[in-house]
Amino acid sequence: MADWVKVAGSLTAISAGSRTTVWGVNAASAVYHYTNYDGSPWINVPGGLSDIGAASDGTVWGVNSGNQIYRYTGDQSTTNWVGVSGSLVRIDAGSRTNVWGVDSAGGIYRYTNHDANPWIKIPGTLSDIGAGADGTVWGVNAGNQVFRYTGDQDSANSWKSVNGSLKRIAVGSRTNVWGVDPAGGIYRYTNNDAAGGNPWVKIPGTATDVAAGADGTAWHVNTAGEIYRYTGDQPS
């Protein structure tokens, strides 16, 4: 698979903020941070999570199987994770100030940047969400419909529908958006909603989760837990 290079390890969920900020979770809820060295790629970080979101500025958030929410503080103190009130099943972080999540009922929440009252509910219903470093946010719902957040531009319409069918979505920036369809197909956004009626380019490979960084980085994991980094944008 020329578009992807396999990286040793086993993960069920993955998130990339940038080339050097990649985090993942395995089937046992163990948390891993990429070392930036494929020869020995992963460091285990204490804690147990079911989903994780990593931002280009080093911000990392996660949720566990009990829907509890945590922010990574292991780079600032001896405590690896600080609990934040709320209940979410999916989470993503584009930056310290752009953190979004989805609860078990499909409710959408945005972080207020204030732990004492941490979440604002945003209209709509989603099953997965992706947040970019530049404020870009996309989501998909239980029907695999795709949406881009426009609530910061039009208060009457929080989400704009975009053609396609995806069950997972990842956002690094306005121009680096990736998704996985219900059959495991991998797609990259063309940056043109109207592109021949199909705003997505199919990329070789199959995945269960995908990650997109602000700098163009992309990773995916498949049903076997295998891990791949995208190299299709580099000379072959």
Protein backbone atom coordinates (compact mmCIF):
# COMPACT_ATOMS: atom_id res chain seq x y z
CA MET A 1 0.00 0.00 0.00
CA ALA A 2 2.13 2.84 -1.36
CA ASP A 3 -0.09 5.50 0.18
CA TRP A 4 0.52 4.26 3.72
CA VAL A 5 3.46 3.05 5.80
CA LYS A 6 2.70 0.54 8.54
CA VAL A 7 3.81 1.45 12.06
CA ALA A 8 4.25 -1.26 14.71
CA GLY A 9 1.64 -1.48 17.45
CA SER A 10 -2.07 -2.08 17.90
CA LEU A 11 -4.69 0.65 18.38
CA THR A 12 -8.47 0.94 18.08
CA ALA A 13 -8.68 4.76 18.05
CA ILE A 14 -6.13 7.32 16.87
CA SER A 15 -5.81 11.12 16.80
CA ALA A 16 -3.16 13.38 15.30
CA GLY A 17 -2.69 17.07 15.98
CA SER A 18 0.49 17.28 13.93
CA ARG A 19 3.38 15.16 12.72
CA THR A 20 4.76 15.11 16.27
CA THR A 21 1.54 14.91 18.28
CA VAL A 22 -0.11 11.54 17.68
CA TRP A 23 -2.02 9.62 20.36
CA GLY A 24 -3.98 6.40 20.38
CA VAL A 25 -5.99 3.98 22.49
CA ASN A 26 -5.94 0.19 22.23
CA ALA A 27 -8.62 -2.45 22.74
CA ALA A 28 -7.79 -2.65 26.46
CA SER A 29 -8.21 1.16 26.83
CA ALA A 30 -4.46 1.67 27.29
CA VAL A 31 -3.21 5.08 26.14
CA TYR A 32 -0.21 5.59 23.85
CA HIS A 33 1.79 8.60 22.64
CA TYR A 34 3.87 8.45 19.45
CA THR A 35 7.62 8.84 20.03
CA ASN A 36 8.32 10.27 16.54
CA TYR A 37 10.50 7.22 15.93
CA ASP A 38 9.05 4.29 13.98
CA GLY A 39 11.72 1.95 15.34
CA SER A 40 10.18 2.19 18.80
CA PRO A 41 6.99 4.10 18.13
CA TRP A 42 4.82 4.15 21.25
CA ILE A 43 5.12 5.16 24.89
CA ASN A 44 2.39 3.97 27.24
CA VAL A 45 0.83 6.84 29.21
CA PRO A 46 -0.90 5.88 32.48
CA GLY A 47 -4.68 5.97 32.30
CA GLY A 48 -7.58 4.22 30.58
CA LEU A 49 -9.53 5.80 27.71
CA SER A 50 -11.93 4.73 24.97
CA ASP A 51 -11.49 7.79 22.72
CA ILE A 52 -8.83 10.47 22.47
CA GLY A 53 -8.31 13.85 20.79
CA ALA A 54 -4.87 15.37 20.17
CA ALA A 55 -4.24 18.95 19.01
CA SER A 56 -1.31 20.53 17.19
CA ASP A 57 -0.43 22.68 20.22
CA GLY A 58 0.01 19.57 22.40
CA THR A 59 -3.45 19.67 23.97
CA VAL A 60 -4.90 16.18 24.55
CA TRP A 61 -8.32 15.19 25.85
CA GLY A 62 -9.93 11.80 26.32
CA VAL A 63 -13.05 10.00 27.47
CA ASN A 64 -13.30 6.60 29.11
CA SER A 65 -15.79 3.76 28.83
CA GLY A 66 -17.85 5.38 31.60
CA ASN A 67 -18.12 8.56 29.48
CA GLN A 68 -15.98 10.50 31.96
CA ILE A 69 -13.88 13.33 30.49
CA TYR A 70 -10.18 14.01 31.05
CA ARG A 71 -7.61 16.57 29.94
CA TYR A 72 -3.95 15.58 29.74
CA THR A 73 -1.67 17.40 32.19
CA GLY A 74 1.27 14.99 32.24
CA ASP A 75 3.48 17.55 30.50
CA GLN A 76 2.76 20.09 33.25
CA SER A 77 2.55 18.10 36.49
CA THR A 78 2.93 14.65 38.03
CA THR A 79 -0.79 14.09 37.48
CA ASN A 80 -1.34 12.70 33.98
CA TRP A 81 -5.06 13.47 33.68
CA VAL A 82 -7.45 15.97 35.24
CA GLY A 83 -11.13 15.11 35.28
CA VAL A 84 -13.52 17.63 33.74
CA SER A 85 -17.23 17.43 34.54
CA GLY A 86 -19.58 16.19 31.85
CA SER A 87 -20.42 12.99 29.97
CA LEU A 88 -19.16 12.31 26.45
CA VAL A 89 -18.60 9.25 24.25
CA ARG A 90 -16.49 10.95 21.55
CA ILE A 91 -14.07 13.86 21.87
CA ASP A 92 -11.69 15.81 19.67
CA ALA A 93 -9.32 18.72 20.23
CA GLY A 94 -8.10 21.10 17.56
CA SER A 95 -6.32 23.35 20.04
CA ARG A 96 -6.44 24.32 23.69
CA THR A 97 -9.48 26.48 22.91
CA ASN A 98 -11.23 24.30 20.30
CA VAL A 99 -12.45 21.14 22.02
CA TRP A 100 -15.68 19.39 21.03
CA GLY A 101 -17.51 16.26 22.06
CA VAL A 102 -20.61 14.15 21.52
CA ASP A 103 -22.63 12.48 24.27
CA SER A 104 -24.38 9.09 24.25
CA ALA A 105 -27.61 10.67 22.99
CA GLY A 106 -25.87 12.44 20.09
CA GLY A 107 -25.85 15.82 21.84
CA ILE A 108 -23.05 18.15 20.72
CA TYR A 109 -20.89 20.08 23.17
CA ARG A 110 -18.17 22.70 22.87
CA TYR A 111 -15.67 23.43 25.62
CA THR A 112 -16.04 26.90 27.20
CA ASN A 113 -12.36 27.13 28.25
CA HIS A 114 -13.55 27.27 31.85
CA ASP A 115 -13.55 24.03 33.85
CA ALA A 116 -16.06 25.33 36.40
CA ASN A 117 -18.74 25.43 33.70
CA PRO A 118 -17.09 23.53 30.90
CA TRP A 119 -19.61 22.80 28.15
CA ILE A 120 -22.00 24.71 25.88
CA LYS A 121 -24.61 22.62 24.06
CA ILE A 122 -24.68 23.24 20.31
CA PRO A 123 -27.83 22.54 18.27
CA GLY A 124 -27.79 19.33 16.26
CA THR A 125 -27.19 15.60 16.68
CA LEU A 126 -23.95 13.80 15.81
CA SER A 127 -22.24 10.46 16.41
CA ASP A 128 -18.66 11.61 15.72
CA ILE A 129 -16.93 14.97 15.56
CA GLY A 130 -13.62 16.43 14.41
CA ALA A 131 -12.09 19.77 15.42
CA GLY A 132 -9.20 21.55 13.68
CA ALA A 133 -6.51 23.91 14.93
CA ASP A 134 -8.02 26.80 12.94
CA GLY A 135 -11.51 26.44 14.43
CA THR A 136 -12.86 24.17 11.69
CA VAL A 137 -15.35 21.57 12.95
CA TRP A 138 -17.05 18.72 11.08
CA GLY A 139 -19.36 15.97 12.23
CA VAL A 140 -21.26 12.90 11.11
CA ASN A 141 -24.56 11.59 12.45
CA ALA A 142 -25.96 8.12 13.07
CA GLY A 143 -27.26 8.06 9.50
CA ASN A 144 -23.70 8.67 8.21
CA GLN A 145 -24.63 12.14 6.94
CA VAL A 146 -21.79 14.67 6.89
CA PHE A 147 -21.90 18.23 8.26
CA ARG A 148 -19.54 21.19 8.59
CA TYR A 149 -20.00 23.65 11.47
CA THR A 150 -21.14 27.12 10.41
CA GLY A 151 -22.56 28.38 13.71
CA ASP A 152 -19.71 30.86 14.05
CA GLN A 153 -20.80 32.42 10.74
CA ASP A 154 -24.59 32.03 10.80
CA SER A 155 -26.35 31.78 14.15
CA ALA A 156 -29.53 30.52 12.48
CA ASN A 157 -27.79 27.55 10.83
CA SER A 158 -25.23 25.74 12.97
CA TRP A 159 -24.40 23.04 10.41
CA LYS A 160 -24.09 22.84 6.61
CA SER A 161 -24.76 19.48 4.99
CA VAL A 162 -21.98 18.16 2.74
CA ASN A 163 -22.51 15.30 0.28
CA GLY A 164 -21.10 11.94 1.31
CA SER A 165 -21.62 9.02 3.69
CA LEU A 166 -19.16 8.70 6.58
CA LYS A 167 -19.20 7.13 10.03
CA ARG A 168 -15.90 8.61 11.26
CA ILE A 169 -14.47 12.08 10.65
CA ALA A 170 -11.17 13.76 11.48
CA VAL A 171 -10.19 17.41 11.04
CA GLY A 172 -6.71 18.87 11.13
CA SER A 173 -7.58 22.17 9.50
CA ARG A 174 -9.97 23.66 6.96
CA THR A 175 -7.99 21.91 4.20
CA ASN A 176 -7.17 18.60 5.91
CA VAL A 177 -10.39 16.69 6.54
CA TRP A 178 -10.58 12.88 6.38
CA GLY A 179 -13.32 10.33 6.90
CA VAL A 180 -14.15 6.64 6.95
CA ASP A 181 -17.34 5.30 5.38
CA PRO A 182 -19.50 2.46 6.80
CA ALA A 183 -17.62 -0.10 4.67
CA GLY A 184 -14.21 1.10 5.92
CA GLY A 185 -13.34 3.14 2.84
CA ILE A 186 -11.01 6.10 3.47
CA TYR A 187 -11.80 9.53 2.05
CA ARG A 188 -10.11 12.91 1.92
CA TYR A 189 -11.99 16.18 1.43
CA THR A 190 -11.30 17.94 -1.88
CA ASN A 191 -11.87 21.41 -0.36
CA ASN A 192 -14.73 21.87 -2.81
CA ASP A 193 -18.25 21.04 -1.65
CA ALA A 194 -19.51 20.94 -5.24
CA ALA A 195 -16.69 18.86 -6.77
CA GLY A 196 -18.73 17.03 -9.40
CA GLY A 197 -21.31 16.33 -6.74
CA ASN A 198 -18.69 14.40 -4.74
CA PRO A 199 -16.48 16.44 -2.42
CA TRP A 200 -14.41 13.37 -1.43
CA VAL A 201 -11.45 11.59 -2.99
CA LYS A 202 -11.14 7.90 -2.15
CA ILE A 203 -7.73 6.94 -0.77
CA PRO A 204 -6.52 3.30 -0.96
CA GLY A 205 -6.89 1.28 2.23
CA THR A 206 -9.56 0.33 4.76
CA ALA A 207 -9.96 1.77 8.23
CA THR A 208 -12.08 1.89 11.35
CA ASP A 209 -10.70 5.23 12.56
CA VAL A 210 -8.73 8.03 10.93
CA ALA A 211 -6.66 10.96 12.23
CA ALA A 212 -5.80 14.30 10.56
CA GLY A 213 -3.26 16.88 11.72
CA ALA A 214 -3.06 20.62 11.14
CA ASP A 215 0.11 20.18 9.08
CA GLY A 216 -1.39 17.62 6.68
CA THR A 217 -0.45 14.54 8.71
CA ALA A 218 -2.90 11.62 8.50
CA TRP A 219 -3.01 8.21 10.19
CA HIS A 220 -5.50 5.36 10.31
CA VAL A 221 -6.18 2.12 12.15
CA ASN A 222 -8.07 -0.88 10.78
CA THR A 223 -10.26 -3.69 12.13
CA ALA A 224 -7.17 -5.71 13.08
CA GLY A 225 -5.80 -2.80 15.12
CA GLU A 226 -2.99 -2.22 12.62
CA ILE A 227 -1.61 1.32 12.44
CA TYR A 228 -0.71 3.25 9.28
CA ARG A 229 0.70 6.71 8.56
CA TYR A 230 -0.18 8.47 5.29
CA THR A 231 2.68 8.94 2.83
CA GLY A 232 0.68 9.45 -0.37
CA ASP A 233 1.58 13.14 -0.42
CA GLN A 234 5.33 12.39 -0.42
CA PRO A 235 7.58 11.30 -3.33
CA SER A 236 7.36 7.57 -3.98
